[in-house]
PDB file of N, CA and C in Angstrom:
ATOM      1  N   UNK A   1     -11.804   3.322   9.016  1.00  0.00           N
ATOM      2  CA  UNK A   1     -10.640   3.729   8.270  1.00  0.00           C
ATOM      3  C   UNK A   1      -9.628   4.338   9.232  1.00  0.00           C
ATOM      4  N   UNK A   2      -8.367   3.934   9.148  1.00  0.00           N
ATOM      5  CA  UNK A   2      -7.333   4.482  10.041  1.00  0.00           C
ATOM      6  C   UNK A   2      -7.155   5.983   9.843  1.00  0.00           C
ATOM      7  N   UNK A   3      -6.612   6.642  10.852  1.00  0.00           N
ATOM      8  CA  UNK A   3      -6.430   8.084  10.791  1.00  0.00           C
ATOM      9  C   UNK A   3      -5.473   8.498   9.685  1.00  0.00           C
ATOM     10  N   UNK A   4      -4.417   7.759   9.486  1.00  0.00           N
ATOM     11  CA  UNK A   4      -3.441   8.139   8.472  1.00  0.00           C
ATOM     12  C   UNK A   4      -3.755   7.512   7.118  1.00  0.00           C
ATOM     13  N   UNK A   5      -4.973   7.042   6.963  1.00  0.00           N
ATOM     14  CA  UNK A   5      -5.367   6.391   5.710  1.00  0.00           C
ATOM     15  C   UNK A   5      -5.326   7.359   4.533  1.00  0.00           C
ATOM     16  N   UNK A   6      -5.604   8.627   4.773  1.00  0.00           N
ATOM     17  CA  UNK A   6      -5.546   9.605   3.697  1.00  0.00           C
ATOM     18  C   UNK A   6      -4.138   9.696   3.122  1.00  0.00           C
ATOM     19  N   UNK A   7      -3.148   9.778   3.990  1.00  0.00           N
ATOM     20  CA  UNK A   7      -1.754   9.850   3.540  1.00  0.00           C
ATOM     21  C   UNK A   7      -1.340   8.552   2.862  1.00  0.00           C
ATOM     22  N   UNK A   8      -1.750   7.427   3.415  1.00  0.00           N
ATOM     23  CA  UNK A   8      -1.443   6.136   2.802  1.00  0.00           C
ATOM     24  C   UNK A   8      -2.073   6.049   1.416  1.00  0.00           C
ATOM     25  N   UNK A   9      -3.327   6.459   1.306  1.00  0.00           N
ATOM     26  CA  UNK A   9      -4.024   6.421   0.022  1.00  0.00           C
ATOM     27  C   UNK A   9      -3.362   7.342  -0.998  1.00  0.00           C
ATOM     28  N   UNK A  10      -2.962   8.517  -0.558  1.00  0.00           N
ATOM     29  CA  UNK A  10      -2.288   9.465  -1.449  1.00  0.00           C
ATOM     30  C   UNK A  10      -1.012   8.866  -2.019  1.00  0.00           C
ATOM     31  N   UNK A  11      -0.218   8.254  -1.155  1.00  0.00           N
ATOM     32  CA  UNK A  11       1.034   7.641  -1.608  1.00  0.00           C
ATOM     33  C   UNK A  11       0.778   6.398  -2.456  1.00  0.00           C
ATOM     34  N   UNK A  12      -0.229   5.629  -2.111  1.00  0.00           N
ATOM     35  CA  UNK A  12      -0.577   4.451  -2.893  1.00  0.00           C
ATOM     36  C   UNK A  12      -0.939   4.853  -4.320  1.00  0.00           C
ATOM     37  N   UNK A  13      -1.750   5.875  -4.463  1.00  0.00           N
ATOM     38  CA  UNK A  13      -2.149   6.340  -5.792  1.00  0.00           C
ATOM     39  C   UNK A  13      -0.953   6.908  -6.543  1.00  0.00           C
ATOM     40  N   UNK A  14      -0.128   7.677  -5.867  1.00  0.00           N
ATOM     41  CA  UNK A  14       1.025   8.300  -6.512  1.00  0.00           C
ATOM     42  C   UNK A  14       2.025   7.257  -7.007  1.00  0.00           C
ATOM     43  N   UNK A  15       2.373   6.301  -6.152  1.00  0.00           N
ATOM     44  CA  UNK A  15       3.419   5.340  -6.495  1.00  0.00           C
ATOM     45  C   UNK A  15       2.911   4.109  -7.244  1.00  0.00           C
ATOM     46  N   UNK A  16       1.680   3.707  -7.009  1.00  0.00           N
ATOM     47  CA  UNK A  16       1.199   2.437  -7.560  1.00  0.00           C
ATOM     48  C   UNK A  16       0.121   2.593  -8.627  1.00  0.00           C
ATOM     49  N   UNK A  17      -0.100   3.788  -9.116  1.00  0.00           N
ATOM     50  CA  UNK A  17      -1.175   3.968 -10.093  1.00  0.00           C
ATOM     51  C   UNK A  17      -1.011   3.108 -11.344  1.00  0.00           C
ATOM     52  N   UNK A  18       0.206   2.894 -11.898  1.00  0.00           N
ATOM     53  CA  UNK A  18       0.302   1.983 -13.046  1.00  0.00           C
ATOM     54  C   UNK A  18      -0.114   0.552 -12.698  1.00  0.00           C
ATOM     55  N   UNK A  19       0.155   0.130 -11.489  1.00  0.00           N
ATOM     56  CA  UNK A  19      -0.232  -1.213 -11.065  1.00  0.00           C
ATOM     57  C   UNK A  19      -1.734  -1.276 -10.793  1.00  0.00           C
ATOM     58  N   UNK A  20      -2.274  -0.233 -10.188  1.00  0.00           N
ATOM     59  CA  UNK A  20      -3.708  -0.212  -9.893  1.00  0.00           C
ATOM     60  C   UNK A  20      -4.549  -0.184 -11.167  1.00  0.00           C
ATOM     61  N   UNK A  21      -4.018   0.378 -12.231  1.00  0.00           N
ATOM     62  CA  UNK A  21      -4.735   0.417 -13.507  1.00  0.00           C
ATOM     63  C   UNK A  21      -4.333  -0.742 -14.418  1.00  0.00           C
ATOM     64  N   UNK A  22      -3.543  -1.658 -13.873  1.00  0.00           N
ATOM     65  CA  UNK A  22      -3.117  -2.880 -14.561  1.00  0.00           C
ATOM     66  C   UNK A  22      -2.233  -2.612 -15.777  1.00  0.00           C
ATOM     67  N   UNK A  23      -1.477  -1.505 -15.748  1.00  0.00           N
ATOM     68  CA  UNK A  23      -0.481  -1.237 -16.776  1.00  0.00           C
ATOM     69  C   UNK A  23       0.850  -1.903 -16.426  1.00  0.00           C
ATOM     70  N   UNK A  24       1.061  -2.125 -15.143  1.00  0.00           N
ATOM     71  CA  UNK A  24       2.249  -2.832 -14.655  1.00  0.00           C
ATOM     72  C   UNK A  24       1.785  -4.019 -13.821  1.00  0.00           C
ATOM     73  N   UNK A  25       2.645  -5.022 -13.757  1.00  0.00           N
ATOM     74  CA  UNK A  25       2.291  -6.222 -12.995  1.00  0.00           C
ATOM     75  C   UNK A  25       2.401  -5.973 -11.494  1.00  0.00           C
ATOM     76  N   UNK A  26       3.427  -5.235 -11.072  1.00  0.00           N
ATOM     77  CA  UNK A  26       3.645  -4.998  -9.644  1.00  0.00           C
ATOM     78  C   UNK A  26       4.478  -3.739  -9.460  1.00  0.00           C
ATOM     79  N   UNK A  27       4.511  -3.263  -8.236  1.00  0.00           N
ATOM     80  CA  UNK A  27       5.386  -2.150  -7.889  1.00  0.00           C
ATOM     81  C   UNK A  27       5.760  -2.274  -6.413  1.00  0.00           C
ATOM     82  N   UNK A  28       6.785  -1.543  -6.041  1.00  0.00           N
ATOM     83  CA  UNK A  28       7.226  -1.522  -4.649  1.00  0.00           C
ATOM     84  C   UNK A  28       7.654  -0.093  -4.325  1.00  0.00           C
ATOM     85  N   UNK A  29       7.275   0.365  -3.144  1.00  0.00           N
ATOM     86  CA  UNK A  29       7.686   1.698  -2.726  1.00  0.00           C
ATOM     87  C   UNK A  29       7.928   1.734  -1.227  1.00  0.00           C
ATOM     88  N   UNK A  30       8.729   2.692  -0.814  1.00  0.00           N
ATOM     89  CA  UNK A  30       9.151   2.838   0.569  1.00  0.00           C
ATOM     90  C   UNK A  30       8.144   3.698   1.327  1.00  0.00           C
ATOM     91  N   UNK A  31       7.783   3.255   2.508  1.00  0.00           N
ATOM     92  CA  UNK A  31       6.827   3.984   3.342  1.00  0.00           C
ATOM     93  C   UNK A  31       7.171   3.682   4.791  1.00  0.00           C
ATOM     94  N   UNK A  32       7.758   4.629   5.497  1.00  0.00           N
ATOM     95  CA  UNK A  32       8.244   4.305   6.828  1.00  0.00           C
ATOM     96  C   UNK A  32       7.830   5.288   7.916  1.00  0.00           C
ATOM     97  N   UNK A  33       6.866   6.149   7.663  1.00  0.00           N
ATOM     98  CA  UNK A  33       6.534   7.129   8.695  1.00  0.00           C
ATOM     99  C   UNK A  33       5.063   7.150   9.106  1.00  0.00           C
ATOM    100  N   UNK A  34       4.357   6.050   8.886  1.00  0.00           N
ATOM    101  CA  UNK A  34       2.965   5.979   9.334  1.00  0.00           C
ATOM    102  C   UNK A  34       2.861   5.107  10.576  1.00  0.00           C
ATOM    103  N   UNK A  35       2.114   5.579  11.559  1.00  0.00           N
ATOM    104  CA  UNK A  35       1.982   4.858  12.826  1.00  0.00           C
ATOM    105  C   UNK A  35       1.118   3.606  12.696  1.00  0.00           C
ATOM    106  N   UNK A  36       0.050   3.695  11.963  1.00  0.00           N
ATOM    107  CA  UNK A  36      -0.879   2.571  11.856  1.00  0.00           C
ATOM    108  C   UNK A  36      -0.828   1.932  10.466  1.00  0.00           C
ATOM    109  N   UNK A  37       0.369   1.622  10.033  1.00  0.00           N
ATOM    110  CA  UNK A  37       0.588   1.058   8.703  1.00  0.00           C
ATOM    111  C   UNK A  37      -0.121  -0.275   8.529  1.00  0.00           C
ATOM    112  N   UNK A  38      -0.024  -1.138   9.510  1.00  0.00           N
ATOM    113  CA  UNK A  38      -0.666  -2.460   9.410  1.00  0.00           C
ATOM    114  C   UNK A  38      -2.181  -2.323   9.263  1.00  0.00           C
ATOM    115  N   UNK A  39      -2.757  -1.375   9.969  1.00  0.00           N
ATOM    116  CA  UNK A  39      -4.196  -1.147   9.890  1.00  0.00           C
ATOM    117  C   UNK A  39      -4.583  -0.627   8.502  1.00  0.00           C
ATOM    118  N   UNK A  40      -3.766   0.245   7.931  1.00  0.00           N
ATOM    119  CA  UNK A  40      -4.010   0.747   6.574  1.00  0.00           C
ATOM    120  C   UNK A  40      -3.918  -0.376   5.551  1.00  0.00           C
ATOM    121  N   UNK A  41      -2.909  -1.221   5.686  1.00  0.00           N
ATOM    122  CA  UNK A  41      -2.735  -2.343   4.760  1.00  0.00           C
ATOM    123  C   UNK A  41      -3.945  -3.262   4.830  1.00  0.00           C
ATOM    124  N   UNK A  42      -4.387  -3.568   6.027  1.00  0.00           N
ATOM    125  CA  UNK A  42      -5.550  -4.449   6.201  1.00  0.00           C
ATOM    126  C   UNK A  42      -6.797  -3.824   5.575  1.00  0.00           C
ATOM    127  N   UNK A  43      -7.013  -2.552   5.814  1.00  0.00           N
ATOM    128  CA  UNK A  43      -8.190  -1.868   5.282  1.00  0.00           C
ATOM    129  C   UNK A  43      -8.194  -1.879   3.753  1.00  0.00           C
ATOM    130  N   UNK A  44      -7.068  -1.507   3.153  1.00  0.00           N
ATOM    131  CA  UNK A  44      -7.019  -1.444   1.694  1.00  0.00           C
ATOM    132  C   UNK A  44      -6.955  -2.822   1.053  1.00  0.00           C
ATOM    133  N   UNK A  45      -6.422  -3.802   1.742  1.00  0.00           N
ATOM    134  CA  UNK A  45      -6.483  -5.163   1.215  1.00  0.00           C
ATOM    135  C   UNK A  45      -7.923  -5.651   1.141  1.00  0.00           C
ATOM    136  N   UNK A  46      -8.730  -5.302   2.135  1.00  0.00           N
ATOM    137  CA  UNK A  46     -10.141  -5.687   2.105  1.00  0.00           C
ATOM    138  C   UNK A  46     -10.852  -5.078   0.894  1.00  0.00           C
ATOM    139  N   UNK A  47     -10.491  -3.869   0.540  1.00  0.00           N
ATOM    140  CA  UNK A  47     -11.111  -3.211  -0.603  1.00  0.00           C
ATOM    141  C   UNK A  47     -10.557  -3.712  -1.937  1.00  0.00           C
ATOM    142  N   UNK A  48      -9.251  -3.884  -2.014  1.00  0.00           N
ATOM    143  CA  UNK A  48      -8.595  -4.175  -3.289  1.00  0.00           C
ATOM    144  C   UNK A  48      -8.499  -5.654  -3.627  1.00  0.00           C
ATOM    145  N   UNK A  49      -8.579  -6.524  -2.641  1.00  0.00           N
ATOM    146  CA  UNK A  49      -8.474  -7.959  -2.924  1.00  0.00           C
ATOM    147  C   UNK A  49      -9.593  -8.442  -3.831  1.00  0.00           C
ATOM    148  N   UNK A  50     -10.727  -7.791  -3.792  1.00  0.00           N
ATOM    149  CA  UNK A  50     -11.848  -8.152  -4.660  1.00  0.00           C
ATOM    150  C   UNK A  50     -11.514  -7.930  -6.136  1.00  0.00           C
ATOM    151  N   UNK A  51     -10.529  -7.053  -6.379  1.00  0.00           N
ATOM    152  CA  UNK A  51     -10.108  -6.750  -7.746  1.00  0.00           C
ATOM    153  C   UNK A  51      -8.759  -7.401  -8.074  1.00  0.00           C
ATOM    154  N   UNK A  52      -8.376  -8.392  -7.283  1.00  0.00           N
ATOM    155  CA  UNK A  52      -7.115  -9.121  -7.455  1.00  0.00           C
ATOM    156  C   UNK A  52      -5.888  -8.224  -7.320  1.00  0.00           C
ATOM    157  N   UNK A  53      -5.960  -7.261  -6.430  1.00  0.00           N
ATOM    158  CA  UNK A  53      -4.822  -6.407  -6.105  1.00  0.00           C
ATOM    159  C   UNK A  53      -4.527  -6.624  -4.632  1.00  0.00           C
ATOM    160  N   UNK A  54      -3.273  -6.938  -4.329  1.00  0.00           N
ATOM    161  CA  UNK A  54      -2.878  -7.284  -2.973  1.00  0.00           C
ATOM    162  C   UNK A  54      -1.727  -6.404  -2.522  1.00  0.00           C
ATOM    163  N   UNK A  55      -1.758  -5.990  -1.273  1.00  0.00           N
ATOM    164  CA  UNK A  55      -0.697  -5.200  -0.671  1.00  0.00           C
ATOM    165  C   UNK A  55       0.019  -6.051   0.359  1.00  0.00           C
ATOM    166  N   UNK A  56       1.329  -5.946   0.377  1.00  0.00           N
ATOM    167  CA  UNK A  56       2.111  -6.685   1.359  1.00  0.00           C
ATOM    168  C   UNK A  56       3.219  -5.778   1.882  1.00  0.00           C
ATOM    169  N   UNK A  57       3.474  -5.860   3.192  1.00  0.00           N
ATOM    170  CA  UNK A  57       4.525  -5.067   3.815  1.00  0.00           C
ATOM    171  C   UNK A  57       5.783  -5.919   3.903  1.00  0.00           C
ATOM    172  N   UNK A  58       6.872  -5.379   3.392  1.00  0.00           N
ATOM    173  CA  UNK A  58       8.179  -6.014   3.507  1.00  0.00           C
ATOM    174  C   UNK A  58       9.017  -5.137   4.421  1.00  0.00           C
ATOM    175  N   UNK A  59       9.434  -5.673   5.549  1.00  0.00           N
ATOM    176  CA  UNK A  59      10.220  -4.883   6.500  1.00  0.00           C
ATOM    177  C   UNK A  59      11.690  -5.230   6.353  1.00  0.00           C
ATOM    178  N   UNK A  60      12.487  -4.203   6.148  1.00  0.00           N
ATOM    179  CA  UNK A  60      13.926  -4.371   6.014  1.00  0.00           C
ATOM    180  C   UNK A  60      14.598  -3.315   6.876  1.00  0.00           C
ATOM    181  N   UNK A  61      15.202  -3.750   7.966  1.00  0.00           N
ATOM    182  CA  UNK A  61      15.946  -2.859   8.870  1.00  0.00           C
ATOM    183  C   UNK A  61      15.174  -1.587   9.206  1.00  0.00           C
ATOM    184  N   UNK A  62      14.042  -1.753   9.847  1.00  0.00           N
ATOM    185  CA  UNK A  62      13.199  -0.656  10.320  1.00  0.00           C
ATOM    186  C   UNK A  62      12.570   0.167   9.207  1.00  0.00           C
ATOM    187  N   UNK A  63      12.640  -0.285   7.974  1.00  0.00           N
ATOM    188  CA  UNK A  63      11.989   0.397   6.868  1.00  0.00           C
ATOM    189  C   UNK A  63      10.851  -0.484   6.375  1.00  0.00           C
ATOM    190  N   UNK A  64       9.784   0.124   6.018  1.00  0.00           N
ATOM    191  CA  UNK A  64       8.656  -0.620   5.465  1.00  0.00           C
ATOM    192  C   UNK A  64       8.570  -0.347   3.973  1.00  0.00           C
ATOM    193  N   UNK A  65       8.512  -1.422   3.231  1.00  0.00           N
ATOM    194  CA  UNK A  65       8.349  -1.298   1.793  1.00  0.00           C
ATOM    195  C   UNK A  65       7.018  -1.958   1.456  1.00  0.00           C
ATOM    196  N   UNK A  66       6.236  -1.304   0.627  1.00  0.00           N
ATOM    197  CA  UNK A  66       4.924  -1.786   0.253  1.00  0.00           C
ATOM    198  C   UNK A  66       5.035  -2.418  -1.133  1.00  0.00           C
ATOM    199  N   UNK A  67       4.635  -3.669  -1.215  1.00  0.00           N
ATOM    200  CA  UNK A  67       4.631  -4.387  -2.478  1.00  0.00           C
ATOM    201  C   UNK A  67       3.188  -4.515  -2.945  1.00  0.00           C
ATOM    202  N   UNK A  68       2.907  -3.993  -4.127  1.00  0.00           N
ATOM    203  CA  UNK A  68       1.548  -4.032  -4.676  1.00  0.00           C
ATOM    204  C   UNK A  68       1.564  -4.934  -5.895  1.00  0.00           C
TER     205      UNK A  68
END
């Protein structure tokens, strides 16, 4: 698990909880201050893909947006 995975997980739960509980189809949130973002995405995709939940990073002008 990446070092900043705790912060990533905290934000994922805070911003994407309706999507994670299947109350919403999708969500998107801004996340631009984690050093190992790609590693966090890979780790959580391995866990969540089994439940048909996918994370994708959308980069727009040095900002990372997470699409769940």
